[in-house]
């Protein structure tokens, strides 16, 4: 999927560009305005990496925490290491399982959630512009639609215009 992201300074410019793109043959389901009163950045996961990182961390936690518990329990049972002598044999295995589950949770957070731990990247300037009251006009589609939108938007006073492939 290709994306064209144009930054416009105010709502009136964004609406007029939207209307001209619609009249120029760009389908309405391929156009989006992000800003106050319109869609939010969280609707586009490639713009908001933190939301995608949280989803990845939760998806990984569903299977890493139980797997970690099973792995820790089994490791403690096979090796018969008496790490916690005061707990006794069955509870020593359960504590090993709990420690394995903690390791699984840490793995899902640091590996799966690395998108929301990292607060840098090429999409952060777009987020800052939306927070500053600017509007983003996004065209999504194949290369032909993106180039068509780029040619139509050249007549506007845009702050920036960039294309992305995902």
Protein backbone atom coordinates (compact mmCIF):
# COMPACT_ATOMS: atom_id res chain seq x y z
CA UNK A 1 0.00 0.00 0.00
CA UNK A 2 1.32 3.43 -0.93
CA UNK A 3 0.57 6.57 1.06
CA UNK A 4 0.86 10.25 0.19
CA UNK A 5 0.90 12.50 3.24
CA UNK A 6 0.44 16.23 2.73
CA UNK A 7 0.67 18.71 5.61
CA UNK A 8 -1.72 21.66 5.38
CA UNK A 9 -1.69 24.65 7.67
CA UNK A 10 -5.41 24.98 8.40
CA UNK A 11 -8.78 23.30 8.12
CA UNK A 12 -9.98 25.34 5.15
CA UNK A 13 -6.98 24.34 3.04
CA UNK A 14 -7.44 20.70 4.02
CA UNK A 15 -11.12 20.73 3.06
CA UNK A 16 -10.52 22.47 -0.26
CA UNK A 17 -7.70 20.05 -1.15
CA UNK A 18 -10.00 17.16 -0.20
CA UNK A 19 -12.73 18.52 -2.49
CA UNK A 20 -10.37 19.08 -5.42
CA UNK A 21 -8.93 15.58 -5.05
CA UNK A 22 -12.45 14.18 -5.02
CA UNK A 23 -13.32 16.09 -8.19
CA UNK A 24 -10.02 14.96 -9.71
CA UNK A 25 -11.06 11.32 -9.50
CA UNK A 26 -9.55 10.13 -6.21
CA UNK A 27 -12.06 7.90 -4.45
CA UNK A 28 -13.40 9.02 -1.06
CA UNK A 29 -12.40 5.76 0.59
CA UNK A 30 -8.78 6.52 -0.38
CA UNK A 31 -8.80 10.02 1.18
CA UNK A 32 -8.48 10.89 4.84
CA UNK A 33 -8.01 14.08 6.82
CA UNK A 34 -6.26 13.88 10.17
CA UNK A 35 -6.64 16.77 12.58
CA UNK A 36 -9.05 18.41 14.98
CA UNK A 37 -12.60 17.41 14.07
CA UNK A 38 -11.48 14.61 11.73
CA UNK A 39 -9.77 11.26 12.08
CA UNK A 40 -7.09 10.76 14.69
CA UNK A 41 -3.52 9.57 14.24
CA UNK A 42 -4.35 6.30 15.98
CA UNK A 43 -6.47 5.30 12.95
CA UNK A 44 -3.23 4.97 10.96
CA UNK A 45 -0.89 2.54 12.68
CA UNK A 46 2.08 3.46 10.51
CA UNK A 47 1.90 7.01 11.91
CA UNK A 48 1.48 6.01 15.56
CA UNK A 49 4.09 3.36 16.35
CA UNK A 50 3.27 3.35 20.04
CA UNK A 51 -0.24 1.96 19.48
CA UNK A 52 1.10 -0.81 17.26
CA UNK A 53 3.83 -1.58 19.81
CA UNK A 54 1.28 -1.95 22.60
CA UNK A 55 -0.79 -4.33 20.46
CA UNK A 56 2.28 -6.39 19.61
CA UNK A 57 3.31 -6.59 23.27
CA UNK A 58 -0.13 -7.82 24.28
CA UNK A 59 -0.24 -10.37 21.46
CA UNK A 60 3.14 -11.74 22.49
CA UNK A 61 2.21 -11.78 26.18
CA UNK A 62 -0.72 -14.12 25.52
CA UNK A 63 1.61 -16.92 24.56
CA UNK A 64 4.95 -15.95 26.15
CA UNK A 65 3.70 -15.75 29.75
CA UNK A 66 2.13 -19.25 29.81
CA UNK A 67 5.08 -20.65 27.84
CA UNK A 68 7.46 -19.02 30.32
CA UNK A 69 5.56 -20.49 33.24
CA UNK A 70 5.64 -23.97 31.70
CA UNK A 71 9.32 -23.58 30.82
CA UNK A 72 10.28 -22.40 34.30
CA UNK A 73 8.25 -25.12 36.00
CA UNK A 74 9.70 -27.83 33.76
CA UNK A 75 13.27 -26.57 34.10
CA UNK A 76 12.99 -26.59 37.88
CA UNK A 77 11.43 -30.06 37.87
CA UNK A 78 14.04 -31.57 35.53
CA UNK A 79 17.12 -30.08 37.18
CA UNK A 80 15.87 -30.64 40.75
CA UNK A 81 17.72 -27.51 41.83
CA UNK A 82 16.60 -26.64 45.33
CA UNK A 83 16.74 -22.88 44.87
CA UNK A 84 14.13 -22.08 47.49
CA UNK A 85 14.65 -24.72 50.16
CA UNK A 86 12.04 -23.22 52.47
CA UNK A 87 9.30 -23.74 49.86
CA UNK A 88 9.45 -27.50 49.53
CA UNK A 89 9.38 -29.55 46.36
CA UNK A 90 5.99 -28.71 44.76
CA UNK A 91 6.15 -25.02 45.58
CA UNK A 92 9.75 -24.79 44.41
CA UNK A 93 8.56 -25.84 40.94
CA UNK A 94 5.70 -23.32 41.07
CA UNK A 95 8.10 -20.51 42.01
CA UNK A 96 10.28 -21.56 39.05
CA UNK A 97 7.18 -21.34 36.85
CA UNK A 98 6.33 -17.87 38.18
CA UNK A 99 9.87 -16.69 37.49
CA UNK A 100 9.59 -18.12 33.95
CA UNK A 101 6.29 -16.25 33.46
CA UNK A 102 7.98 -13.03 34.59
CA UNK A 103 10.68 -13.67 32.00
CA UNK A 104 7.99 -14.19 29.35
CA UNK A 105 6.30 -10.92 30.32
CA UNK A 106 9.62 -9.08 30.08
CA UNK A 107 10.23 -10.62 26.66
CA UNK A 108 6.83 -9.52 25.34
CA UNK A 109 7.34 -6.00 26.68
CA UNK A 110 10.87 -5.44 25.42
CA UNK A 111 10.65 -7.32 22.13
CA UNK A 112 7.00 -6.98 21.10
CA UNK A 113 6.59 -3.51 22.54
CA UNK A 114 9.76 -2.05 21.13
CA UNK A 115 7.62 0.13 18.84
CA UNK A 116 6.25 2.13 21.74
CA UNK A 117 9.54 2.17 23.60
CA UNK A 118 11.18 3.85 20.63
CA UNK A 119 9.96 7.43 20.29
CA UNK A 120 11.91 8.33 17.21
CA UNK A 121 11.49 7.78 13.52
CA UNK A 122 10.39 9.48 10.40
CA UNK A 123 6.69 9.70 11.35
CA UNK A 124 7.20 11.72 14.55
CA UNK A 125 7.29 15.09 12.70
CA UNK A 126 3.79 14.35 11.38
CA UNK A 127 2.55 13.69 14.90
CA UNK A 128 4.10 16.93 16.10
CA UNK A 129 2.40 18.87 13.31
CA UNK A 130 -1.00 17.41 14.15
CA UNK A 131 -0.43 18.31 17.80
CA UNK A 132 0.45 21.86 16.69
CA UNK A 133 -2.96 22.24 14.99
CA UNK A 134 -2.00 21.36 11.42
CA UNK A 135 -3.93 18.96 9.23
CA UNK A 136 -2.70 15.90 7.35
CA UNK A 137 -4.29 14.83 4.10
CA UNK A 138 -3.57 11.17 3.39
CA UNK A 139 -4.14 9.41 0.10
CA UNK A 140 -3.78 5.64 0.20
CA UNK A 141 -3.78 3.39 -2.81
CA UNK A 142 -1.62 2.12 -5.60
CA UNK A 143 1.21 4.08 -7.21
CA UNK A 144 -1.07 5.53 -9.90
CA UNK A 145 -3.49 7.05 -7.35
CA UNK A 146 -0.65 8.46 -5.24
CA UNK A 147 1.00 10.08 -8.27
CA UNK A 148 -2.36 11.46 -9.41
CA UNK A 149 -2.91 13.00 -5.98
CA UNK A 150 0.63 14.38 -5.95
CA UNK A 151 0.04 16.13 -9.28
CA UNK A 152 -3.26 17.61 -8.09
CA UNK A 153 -1.79 18.83 -4.79
CA UNK A 154 1.14 20.64 -6.42
CA UNK A 155 -1.09 23.70 -6.83
CA UNK A 156 -1.56 24.07 -3.07
CA UNK A 157 0.73 25.73 -0.58
CA UNK A 158 1.74 22.66 1.36
CA UNK A 159 4.12 22.62 4.28
CA UNK A 160 5.39 19.24 3.13
CA UNK A 161 4.39 16.28 1.01
CA UNK A 162 5.91 12.82 1.35
CA UNK A 163 5.17 9.35 0.07
CA UNK A 164 5.47 6.11 2.03
CA UNK A 165 5.24 2.49 1.08
CA UNK A 166 4.10 -0.14 3.50
